[in-house]
Amino acid sequence: MEFLLLLATPIAGALTLGWFGARRFAPELNALFSLVTFGAACALTARVIAHGKALVAHEQFFIDPFNVFLVTLTAFVGLTTALFSRPYMRVEMTHGRLSAGRLRLYHAMYQLFTFTMLLALTTNNIGLLWVAMEAATLSTVLLVTLYRTPASLEAGWKYFILCGVGIAQALFGTILIYFAAEKVLGGGATALLWTHLDVAKAQLEPRVMSLAFVFLLVGYGTKVGLAPLHNWLPDAHAEGPTPISAVLSGLLLNVALYAVVRCKVLVEGSLRSQLPSNMLMGFGLVSVVLASFFLWRQRDIKRLFAYSSVEHMGIITFAFGMGGPVANFAALLHMTVHSLTKSAIFFTVGHAAQKAGSQIMDQIRGLITLSPTIGWGLMLGSLAIIGMPPFGVFAAEFLILTTAMKQQPWATPILLLALGVAFAAVFGRVQPMVFGETTARRLPHPPALLPVFAHLAIVLMLGLFVPPYLADWYRQAAIMIGGH
């Protein structure tokens, strides 16, 4: 029942908002559907905690400790972003940047995007996983191009082409896995079910599986934003509506990386070698280094934090590549705190850009004077994302670095250098935006930033104390992902 409600609610939301998405009550309706989805995710989580992993709908769907916490995280960020978008999109309408038709499209596609993310996370069928990722691409292209400006249309086209080519590589990798599996499991849908593939992974043809992983990593790695496949990401974040920047950074990148890790488990079990791990570490390290230096060149605030997402997804990918209980635990923790922190940052950035009338950082000054809530939200979010203690990002990065010192000592100085460069770049850009001099007038009313401080409070708590039930999820998932 909980699972049916989880997937049916966003579909019903997309259909309903396709009709009523331009009405005055549409933002509240969007938030209500997101709230029901979050409630269903919590109920499903409670069921998994009580009864363990579950197969649903004739084994087509599978819930385990790895995906259940991502389902809850996705539903939670989806809810808080829907709450944030209520006042934000109304201001966009007031400024004439949106028409009623585009607002209806926004609300309908938002719910459809939520559905595709939850479908990708819960499906047991790796073919359906590919379909869900492709559907996520198509729905978010329409959201990235919502403003219909030349820059947004160019960003949407780049996103569609690059991710379309990437997802085609992932399709070929999926076909190769089926080709290897049908010799062991027989033809039909069974050869695409992850639970069956996991049991038989040691019998799958190693050469075919290694080739499949190359295509899958390139394909889904494009969606993760791993360098050098990341070119779509800064443009899509900068030109789309701010709520979409929040869910792209906070949710889509996580789900794409989830797909990569699921495939890694199968391929590593078949090869009994470190090739998948080495590839993940390589892509991850290149992403961290490249993104940290690109941060210095940015003038647009949303592009700055888009490159920050590339950097953090690189760190997480590197941790999954190292493998082992501690590195996997740290990677899962980092996925959680990055989603919460980065979405909170985009919430504050959206309000700051609306007030300044520009996303150019040199034109945004004195936020602490104009609106203390925006100023402190951006400052605290930035300190959290660059790894300042006691926030959760620091705890996750500390675990990753100490594990790297033990397992991959050659990579530790590279990571430290890249993290130091990123720290200086982000702090150097944000500090004058928050504390700089301004002649603008103070906002008459403080903006609604409850989602921002709710996210940052959770990130702070996870830096100081991980609740036992959450730590158990992470541990179970870390062991299941395996590695060295």
Protein backbone atom coordinates (compact mmCIF):
# COMPACT_ATOMS: atom_id res chain seq x y z
CA MET A 1 0.00 0.00 0.00
CA GLU A 2 2.77 2.45 0.95
CA PHE A 3 4.70 1.63 -2.21
CA LEU A 4 1.65 2.08 -4.45
CA LEU A 5 0.94 5.44 -2.84
CA LEU A 6 4.58 6.48 -3.28
CA LEU A 7 4.50 6.06 -7.07
CA ALA A 8 0.82 6.85 -7.70
CA THR A 9 0.83 10.23 -5.90
CA PRO A 10 3.29 12.08 -8.19
CA ILE A 11 1.59 10.60 -11.29
CA ALA A 12 -1.79 11.82 -10.00
CA GLY A 13 -0.13 15.15 -9.18
CA ALA A 14 1.26 15.51 -12.72
CA LEU A 15 -2.15 14.79 -14.28
CA THR A 16 -4.04 17.07 -11.88
CA LEU A 17 -1.59 19.96 -12.20
CA GLY A 18 -1.61 19.52 -15.98
CA TRP A 19 -5.20 20.83 -15.73
CA PHE A 20 -5.04 23.13 -12.73
CA GLY A 21 -1.35 24.10 -12.65
CA ALA A 22 -2.01 27.74 -13.54
CA ARG A 23 -4.71 28.34 -10.92
CA ARG A 24 -4.06 30.46 -7.84
CA PHE A 25 -4.09 27.39 -5.58
CA ALA A 26 -1.71 25.37 -7.82
CA PRO A 27 1.48 25.98 -5.72
CA GLU A 28 -0.32 24.74 -2.60
CA LEU A 29 -1.62 21.73 -4.56
CA ASN A 30 1.91 20.96 -5.75
CA ALA A 31 3.15 21.10 -2.15
CA LEU A 32 0.25 18.90 -0.99
CA PHE A 33 1.06 16.15 -3.50
CA SER A 34 4.72 16.34 -2.44
CA LEU A 35 3.68 16.06 1.21
CA VAL A 36 1.64 12.89 0.52
CA THR A 37 4.61 11.44 -1.39
CA PHE A 38 6.91 12.17 1.56
CA GLY A 39 4.42 10.56 3.97
CA ALA A 40 4.33 7.43 1.79
CA ALA A 41 8.16 7.35 1.71
CA CYS A 42 8.30 7.56 5.53
CA ALA A 43 5.73 4.74 5.85
CA LEU A 44 7.69 2.60 3.38
CA THR A 45 10.89 3.27 5.33
CA ALA A 46 9.24 2.24 8.60
CA ARG A 47 8.09 -0.97 6.94
CA VAL A 48 11.58 -1.79 5.66
CA ILE A 49 13.06 -1.10 9.12
CA ALA A 50 10.50 -3.44 10.69
CA HIS A 51 10.49 -6.25 8.12
CA GLY A 52 13.68 -5.91 6.05
CA LYS A 53 14.10 -5.71 2.27
CA ALA A 54 11.02 -6.30 0.13
CA LEU A 55 10.12 -7.36 -3.42
CA VAL A 56 6.95 -5.84 -4.86
CA ALA A 57 4.77 -6.44 -7.97
CA HIS A 58 6.15 -9.84 -9.03
CA GLU A 59 9.76 -8.80 -8.30
CA GLN A 60 9.59 -5.76 -10.60
CA PHE A 61 10.32 -3.45 -7.67
CA PHE A 62 12.83 -3.92 -4.88
CA ILE A 63 13.32 -1.99 -1.63
CA ASP A 64 16.47 -2.44 0.46
CA PRO A 65 18.62 -0.34 2.85
CA PHE A 66 20.53 1.21 -0.05
CA ASN A 67 17.59 2.70 -1.93
CA VAL A 68 15.09 3.25 0.89
CA PHE A 69 17.03 6.12 2.48
CA LEU A 70 17.49 7.70 -0.98
CA VAL A 71 13.72 7.39 -1.53
CA THR A 72 13.06 9.25 1.73
CA LEU A 73 15.70 11.87 0.94
CA THR A 74 14.24 12.40 -2.55
CA ALA A 75 10.71 12.80 -1.19
CA PHE A 76 11.89 15.18 1.56
CA VAL A 77 13.87 17.48 -0.75
CA GLY A 78 10.97 17.32 -3.22
CA LEU A 79 8.62 18.54 -0.48
CA THR A 80 10.84 21.37 0.78
CA THR A 81 11.54 22.52 -2.80
CA ALA A 82 7.80 22.56 -3.53
CA LEU A 83 7.31 24.72 -0.42
CA PHE A 84 10.12 27.06 -1.52
CA SER A 85 8.76 27.35 -5.06
CA ARG A 86 5.39 28.68 -3.86
CA PRO A 87 6.55 32.25 -3.15
CA TYR A 88 9.46 32.07 -5.63
CA MET A 89 7.37 31.23 -8.71
CA ARG A 90 4.73 33.81 -7.76
CA VAL A 91 7.42 36.51 -7.79
CA GLU A 92 8.57 35.23 -11.20
CA MET A 93 4.96 35.61 -12.44
CA THR A 94 4.80 39.13 -11.00
CA HIS A 95 8.04 40.06 -12.79
CA GLY A 96 6.60 38.77 -16.07
CA ARG A 97 9.16 35.99 -16.54
CA LEU A 98 6.45 33.30 -16.62
CA SER A 99 3.05 32.99 -18.27
CA ALA A 100 0.12 31.00 -16.88
CA GLY A 101 0.77 28.22 -19.41
CA ARG A 102 4.40 27.88 -18.40
CA LEU A 103 3.47 27.82 -14.72
CA ARG A 104 1.11 24.91 -15.46
CA LEU A 105 3.93 23.16 -17.33
CA TYR A 106 6.28 23.76 -14.39
CA HIS A 107 3.95 22.21 -11.81
CA ALA A 108 3.04 19.20 -13.96
CA MET A 109 6.67 18.47 -14.93
CA TYR A 110 7.80 18.90 -11.33
CA GLN A 111 5.56 16.04 -10.23
CA LEU A 112 6.53 13.94 -13.25
CA PHE A 113 10.21 14.48 -12.44
CA THR A 114 9.58 13.34 -8.86
CA PHE A 115 7.90 10.19 -10.21
CA THR A 116 10.82 9.35 -12.52
CA MET A 117 13.31 9.72 -9.66
CA LEU A 118 11.31 7.43 -7.36
CA LEU A 119 10.77 4.91 -10.18
CA ALA A 120 14.51 4.80 -10.92
CA LEU A 121 15.31 4.23 -7.25
CA THR A 122 12.77 1.48 -6.59
CA THR A 123 12.74 -0.55 -9.80
CA ASN A 124 14.38 -3.99 -9.75
CA ASN A 125 14.56 -4.05 -13.56
CA ILE A 126 17.73 -2.46 -14.98
CA GLY A 127 15.89 -1.88 -18.26
CA LEU A 128 13.15 0.07 -16.46
CA LEU A 129 15.90 1.95 -14.61
CA TRP A 130 17.18 3.16 -17.98
CA VAL A 131 13.65 4.17 -19.05
CA ALA A 132 13.18 6.14 -15.80
CA MET A 133 16.48 7.98 -16.28
CA GLU A 134 15.54 8.87 -19.87
CA ALA A 135 12.11 10.11 -18.71
CA ALA A 136 13.86 12.23 -16.07
CA THR A 137 15.96 13.81 -18.83
CA LEU A 138 12.93 14.63 -20.97
CA SER A 139 10.93 16.13 -18.09
CA THR A 140 13.81 18.28 -16.85
CA VAL A 141 14.63 19.58 -20.36
CA LEU A 142 11.19 21.21 -20.35
CA LEU A 143 11.91 22.68 -16.90
CA VAL A 144 15.38 23.99 -17.78
CA THR A 145 13.92 25.80 -20.84
CA LEU A 146 10.95 27.19 -18.91
CA TYR A 147 11.89 30.87 -19.36
CA ARG A 148 12.28 30.45 -23.16
CA THR A 149 15.20 32.89 -23.28
CA PRO A 150 17.98 32.25 -25.85
CA ALA A 151 20.36 31.25 -23.02
CA SER A 152 17.84 28.84 -21.44
CA LEU A 153 17.01 27.26 -24.81
CA GLU A 154 20.73 26.79 -25.51
CA ALA A 155 21.22 25.25 -22.04
CA GLY A 156 18.24 22.93 -22.55
CA TRP A 157 19.49 21.87 -25.98
CA LYS A 158 22.99 21.16 -24.62
CA TYR A 159 21.46 19.22 -21.71
CA PHE A 160 19.24 17.20 -24.03
CA ILE A 161 22.01 16.35 -26.53
CA LEU A 162 24.75 15.50 -24.02
CA CYS A 163 22.51 13.52 -21.67
CA GLY A 164 20.75 11.91 -24.65
CA VAL A 165 24.06 10.67 -26.03
CA GLY A 166 25.10 9.58 -22.53
CA ILE A 167 21.90 7.70 -21.85
CA ALA A 168 22.30 5.92 -25.22
CA GLN A 169 25.66 4.59 -23.98
CA ALA A 170 23.91 3.38 -20.83
CA LEU A 171 21.31 1.58 -22.98
CA PHE A 172 24.08 -0.27 -24.83
CA GLY A 173 25.65 -1.23 -21.49
CA THR A 174 22.27 -2.53 -20.27
CA ILE A 175 21.90 -4.61 -23.45
CA LEU A 176 25.36 -6.09 -22.87
CA ILE A 177 24.41 -7.09 -19.31
CA TYR A 178 21.28 -8.79 -20.68
CA PHE A 179 23.42 -10.53 -23.30
CA ALA A 180 25.68 -11.92 -20.55
CA ALA A 181 22.77 -12.78 -18.23
CA GLU A 182 20.53 -14.67 -20.66
CA LYS A 183 23.16 -17.42 -20.98
CA VAL A 184 22.91 -17.98 -17.21
CA LEU A 185 19.37 -16.95 -16.29
CA GLY A 186 17.62 -17.64 -19.58
CA GLY A 187 15.73 -15.17 -21.76
CA GLY A 188 12.89 -12.91 -20.70
CA ALA A 189 12.58 -10.21 -18.06
CA THR A 190 14.29 -12.32 -15.38
CA ALA A 191 17.67 -11.61 -16.98
CA LEU A 192 17.11 -7.89 -16.30
CA LEU A 193 16.11 -8.18 -12.63
CA TRP A 194 18.86 -6.87 -10.37
CA THR A 195 18.17 -9.35 -7.54
CA HIS A 196 18.59 -12.30 -9.92
CA LEU A 197 21.66 -10.76 -11.53
CA ASP A 198 23.20 -10.20 -8.10
CA VAL A 199 22.81 -13.87 -7.19
CA ALA A 200 24.30 -15.06 -10.50
CA LYS A 201 26.94 -12.33 -10.94
CA ALA A 202 29.90 -14.70 -10.42
CA GLN A 203 28.73 -16.75 -13.45
CA LEU A 204 28.40 -13.82 -15.87
CA GLU A 205 30.93 -13.51 -18.71
CA PRO A 206 33.68 -11.17 -17.37
CA ARG A 207 34.73 -9.63 -20.70
CA VAL A 208 31.18 -8.71 -21.64
CA MET A 209 30.51 -7.31 -18.16
CA SER A 210 33.69 -5.20 -18.17
CA LEU A 211 32.70 -3.71 -21.54
CA ALA A 212 29.16 -3.12 -20.24
CA PHE A 213 30.50 -1.20 -17.25
CA VAL A 214 32.49 1.17 -19.46
CA PHE A 215 29.31 2.11 -21.34
CA LEU A 216 27.21 2.29 -18.16
CA LEU A 217 29.74 4.51 -16.38
CA VAL A 218 30.01 6.89 -19.34
CA GLY A 219 26.22 6.89 -19.79
CA TYR A 220 25.05 7.36 -16.22
CA GLY A 221 28.24 9.30 -15.38
CA THR A 222 27.07 11.99 -17.80
CA LYS A 223 23.94 12.40 -15.65
CA VAL A 224 26.07 12.43 -12.48
CA GLY A 225 28.08 15.31 -13.96
CA LEU A 226 31.45 13.57 -13.76
CA ALA A 227 34.24 15.34 -15.66
CA PRO A 228 34.78 15.45 -18.58
CA LEU A 229 31.07 14.65 -19.15
CA HIS A 230 29.83 17.58 -17.06
CA ASN A 231 29.42 20.36 -19.65
CA TRP A 232 25.61 20.37 -19.53
CA LEU A 233 25.42 20.83 -15.76
CA PRO A 234 26.54 24.47 -15.19
CA ASP A 235 24.34 25.77 -18.02
CA ALA A 236 21.27 23.80 -16.90
CA HIS A 237 21.66 25.04 -13.32
CA ALA A 238 22.27 28.65 -14.31
CA GLU A 239 19.44 29.08 -16.83
CA GLY A 240 16.61 27.02 -15.32
CA PRO A 241 14.32 28.15 -12.48
CA THR A 242 16.02 28.03 -9.09
CA PRO A 243 13.76 25.26 -7.66
CA ILE A 244 14.87 23.07 -10.58
CA SER A 245 18.53 23.86 -9.85
CA ALA A 246 17.85 22.63 -6.30
CA VAL A 247 16.34 19.28 -7.35
CA LEU A 248 18.88 18.72 -10.14
CA SER A 249 21.77 19.11 -7.70
CA GLY A 250 20.02 17.53 -4.73
CA LEU A 251 18.26 14.60 -6.40
CA LEU A 252 19.06 13.81 -10.05
CA LEU A 253 22.82 13.51 -9.50
CA ASN A 254 22.26 11.14 -6.56
CA VAL A 255 19.91 8.90 -8.53
CA ALA A 256 22.31 8.68 -11.48
CA LEU A 257 25.16 7.76 -9.12
CA TYR A 258 22.89 5.18 -7.48
CA ALA A 259 22.51 3.54 -10.91
CA VAL A 260 26.31 3.49 -11.37
CA VAL A 261 26.86 1.86 -7.97
CA ARG A 262 24.19 -0.80 -8.61
CA CYS A 263 26.00 -1.69 -11.84
CA LYS A 264 29.39 -1.65 -10.11
CA VAL A 265 28.21 -4.32 -7.64
CA LEU A 266 27.28 -6.65 -10.51
CA VAL A 267 30.38 -6.06 -12.61
CA GLU A 268 32.82 -6.31 -9.70
CA GLY A 269 31.25 -9.61 -8.66
CA SER A 270 31.68 -10.93 -12.20
CA LEU A 271 35.25 -9.70 -12.82
CA ARG A 272 36.67 -10.29 -9.32
CA SER A 273 39.03 -7.42 -10.13
CA GLN A 274 39.42 -3.77 -9.18
CA LEU A 275 38.70 -2.37 -12.68
CA PRO A 276 35.29 -0.83 -11.78
CA SER A 277 36.71 0.62 -8.55
CA ASN A 278 39.72 2.10 -10.34
CA MET A 279 37.49 3.67 -13.00
CA LEU A 280 35.27 5.27 -10.34
CA MET A 281 38.31 6.60 -8.48
CA GLY A 282 39.77 7.99 -11.69
CA PHE A 283 36.60 9.76 -12.83
CA GLY A 284 35.97 10.99 -9.28
CA LEU A 285 39.45 12.45 -8.83
CA VAL A 286 39.43 14.20 -12.22
CA SER A 287 36.00 15.70 -11.38
CA VAL A 288 37.18 17.03 -8.00
CA VAL A 289 40.34 18.63 -9.41
CA LEU A 290 38.74 20.08 -12.55
CA ALA A 291 35.71 21.51 -10.73
CA SER A 292 37.76 23.09 -7.93
CA PHE A 293 39.83 25.11 -10.42
CA PHE A 294 36.79 26.02 -12.55
CA LEU A 295 35.20 27.53 -9.42
CA TRP A 296 37.68 30.43 -9.64
CA ARG A 297 36.49 31.43 -13.12
CA GLN A 298 32.77 31.79 -12.35
CA ARG A 299 30.92 35.11 -12.29
CA ASP A 300 27.38 33.68 -12.11
CA ILE A 301 26.35 32.54 -8.60
CA LYS A 302 24.33 29.54 -9.83
CA ARG A 303 27.17 28.38 -12.08
CA LEU A 304 29.52 28.63 -9.09
CA PHE A 305 27.44 26.20 -7.07
CA ALA A 306 26.85 24.00 -10.13
CA TYR A 307 30.61 23.43 -10.33
CA SER A 308 30.55 22.80 -6.59
CA SER A 309 28.11 19.95 -7.32
CA VAL A 310 30.57 18.48 -9.85
CA GLU A 311 33.27 18.64 -7.18
CA HIS A 312 31.19 16.92 -4.50
CA MET A 313 29.85 14.20 -6.81
CA GLY A 314 33.50 13.54 -7.71
CA ILE A 315 34.37 13.09 -4.01
CA ILE A 316 31.44 10.70 -3.52
CA THR A 317 32.33 8.73 -6.66
CA PHE A 318 35.95 8.45 -5.48
CA ALA A 319 34.73 7.12 -2.10
CA PHE A 320 32.52 4.47 -3.76
CA GLY A 321 35.54 3.55 -5.89
CA MET A 322 37.68 2.95 -2.80
CA GLY A 323 34.93 0.68 -1.43
CA GLY A 324 34.85 -1.00 1.94
CA PRO A 325 32.49 -0.37 4.86
CA VAL A 326 33.98 2.98 5.97
CA ALA A 327 34.35 4.58 2.51
CA ASN A 328 30.87 3.45 1.44
CA PHE A 329 29.40 4.71 4.73
CA ALA A 330 31.10 8.08 4.19
CA ALA A 331 29.88 8.25 0.58
CA LEU A 332 26.27 7.60 1.62
CA LEU A 333 26.53 10.22 4.36
CA HIS A 334 28.03 12.67 1.86
CA MET A 335 25.19 12.02 -0.61
CA THR A 336 22.70 12.92 2.13
CA VAL A 337 24.36 16.08 3.42
CA HIS A 338 25.27 17.33 -0.07
CA SER A 339 21.64 17.04 -1.21
CA LEU A 340 20.35 18.92 1.81
CA THR A 341 23.06 21.60 1.80
CA LYS A 342 23.12 22.30 -1.93
CA SER A 343 19.33 22.56 -2.21
CA ALA A 344 19.34 24.98 0.78
CA ILE A 345 22.02 27.08 -0.94
CA PHE A 346 20.00 27.29 -4.16
CA PHE A 347 16.95 28.40 -2.17
CA THR A 348 18.89 31.37 -0.76
CA VAL A 349 20.59 32.08 -4.09
CA GLY A 350 17.18 32.23 -5.77
CA HIS A 351 15.92 34.90 -3.37
CA ALA A 352 19.20 36.83 -3.58
CA ALA A 353 19.13 36.85 -7.40
CA GLN A 354 15.47 37.94 -7.41
CA LYS A 355 16.28 40.85 -5.09
CA ALA A 356 19.36 41.96 -7.06
CA GLY A 357 17.73 41.32 -10.43
CA SER A 358 20.88 39.47 -11.50
CA GLN A 359 22.78 36.24 -10.94
CA ILE A 360 26.16 37.98 -11.48
CA MET A 361 28.03 37.87 -8.18
CA ASP A 362 29.56 41.35 -8.57
CA GLN A 363 26.04 42.81 -8.62
CA ILE A 364 24.92 41.06 -5.41
CA ARG A 365 26.22 42.80 -2.30
CA GLY A 366 25.29 43.33 1.34
CA LEU A 367 22.75 40.52 1.73
CA ILE A 368 23.18 40.60 5.51
CA THR A 369 21.86 44.21 5.43
CA LEU A 370 19.11 43.69 2.85
CA SER A 371 17.75 40.54 4.47
CA PRO A 372 19.53 38.87 7.40
CA THR A 373 17.75 35.55 6.73
CA ILE A 374 19.03 35.41 3.13
CA GLY A 375 22.50 36.56 4.18
CA TRP A 376 22.91 34.10 7.02
CA GLY A 377 21.30 31.30 5.00
CA LEU A 378 23.80 31.75 2.16
CA MET A 379 26.76 32.16 4.52
CA LEU A 380 25.94 29.11 6.64
CA GLY A 381 25.12 27.02 3.58
CA SER A 382 28.42 28.00 1.96
CA LEU A 383 30.40 27.21 5.11
CA ALA A 384 28.66 23.83 5.27
CA ILE A 385 29.33 22.93 1.63
CA ILE A 386 33.04 23.86 1.77
CA GLY A 387 33.49 21.44 4.66
CA MET A 388 33.66 23.61 7.76
CA PRO A 389 33.13 21.71 11.03
CA PRO A 390 30.83 20.82 12.68
CA PHE A 391 28.59 20.39 9.60
CA GLY A 392 27.93 16.94 8.14
CA VAL A 393 29.96 17.60 4.96
CA PHE A 394 33.10 17.93 7.13
CA ALA A 395 32.36 14.60 8.85
CA ALA A 396 31.87 12.81 5.51
CA GLU A 397 34.97 14.35 3.90
CA PHE A 398 37.05 13.60 7.00
CA LEU A 399 36.06 9.91 6.78
CA ILE A 400 36.82 9.83 3.05
CA LEU A 401 40.25 11.49 3.47
CA THR A 402 41.32 9.29 6.39
CA THR A 403 40.27 6.18 4.43
CA ALA A 404 42.20 7.45 1.40
CA MET A 405 45.32 7.92 3.57
CA LYS A 406 45.13 4.26 4.44
CA GLN A 407 43.93 2.70 1.16
CA GLN A 408 45.04 5.16 -1.57
CA PRO A 409 47.77 7.39 -0.06
CA TRP A 410 48.80 8.68 -3.49
CA ALA A 411 45.38 10.34 -3.92
CA THR A 412 45.30 12.10 -0.54
CA PRO A 413 47.46 15.16 -1.42
CA ILE A 414 45.51 15.62 -4.69
CA LEU A 415 42.21 15.60 -2.79
CA LEU A 416 43.52 17.97 -0.12
CA LEU A 417 44.81 20.42 -2.74
CA ALA A 418 41.52 20.37 -4.67
CA LEU A 419 39.44 20.81 -1.49
CA GLY A 420 41.66 23.73 -0.40
CA VAL A 421 41.28 25.45 -3.78
CA ALA A 422 37.49 24.94 -3.71
CA PHE A 423 37.29 26.27 -0.14
CA ALA A 424 39.13 29.46 -1.05
CA ALA A 425 37.13 29.97 -4.27
CA VAL A 426 33.68 29.62 -2.72
CA PHE A 427 34.45 31.56 0.46
CA GLY A 428 36.17 34.34 -1.48
CA ARG A 429 33.11 34.77 -3.72
CA VAL A 430 30.38 34.48 -1.07
CA GLN A 431 31.91 36.66 1.67
CA PRO A 432 31.54 40.02 -0.19
CA MET A 433 28.06 39.04 -1.39
CA VAL A 434 26.92 38.61 2.20
CA PHE A 435 28.96 41.26 4.07
CA GLY A 436 29.83 43.76 1.32
CA GLU A 437 28.65 47.37 1.20
CA THR A 438 25.32 48.10 -0.48
CA THR A 439 23.13 51.13 -1.16
CA ALA A 440 20.00 49.10 -1.83
CA ARG A 441 17.07 49.27 0.56
CA ARG A 442 16.30 46.55 3.07
CA LEU A 443 13.55 44.08 2.14
CA PRO A 444 10.27 45.10 3.85
CA HIS A 445 9.38 41.51 4.69
CA PRO A 446 11.75 38.58 5.39
CA PRO A 447 11.43 35.84 2.73
CA ALA A 448 10.11 32.40 3.66
CA LEU A 449 13.34 30.48 4.24
CA LEU A 450 12.12 27.80 6.64
CA PRO A 451 13.24 25.01 4.21
CA VAL A 452 16.77 26.48 4.19
CA PHE A 453 17.25 26.42 7.93
CA ALA A 454 15.47 23.04 8.26
CA HIS A 455 17.99 21.54 5.80
CA LEU A 456 20.98 23.19 7.48
CA ALA A 457 19.81 22.07 10.93
CA ILE A 458 19.71 18.45 9.73
CA VAL A 459 23.18 18.82 8.15
CA LEU A 460 24.52 20.25 11.42
CA MET A 461 22.96 17.40 13.39
CA LEU A 462 24.51 14.80 11.06
CA GLY A 463 27.90 16.42 11.64
CA LEU A 464 27.53 16.05 15.39
CA PHE A 465 25.43 12.91 15.75
CA VAL A 466 24.07 10.34 13.28
CA PRO A 467 20.85 8.82 14.69
CA PRO A 468 21.25 5.07 15.33
CA TYR A 469 18.56 3.98 12.85
CA LEU A 470 20.14 6.12 10.10
CA ALA A 471 23.61 4.80 10.94
CA ASP A 472 22.23 1.25 10.68
CA TRP A 473 20.85 1.99 7.18
CA TYR A 474 24.20 3.37 6.09
CA ARG A 475 26.08 0.40 7.55
CA GLN A 476 23.77 -2.19 5.95
CA ALA A 477 23.92 -0.40 2.60
CA ALA A 478 27.72 -0.02 2.83
CA ILE A 479 28.15 -3.74 3.44
CA MET A 480 25.75 -4.61 0.62
CA ILE A 481 27.60 -2.35 -1.85
CA GLY A 482 30.78 -4.16 -0.80
CA GLY A 483 34.18 -3.37 -2.23
CA HIS A 484 37.60 -3.74 -0.69
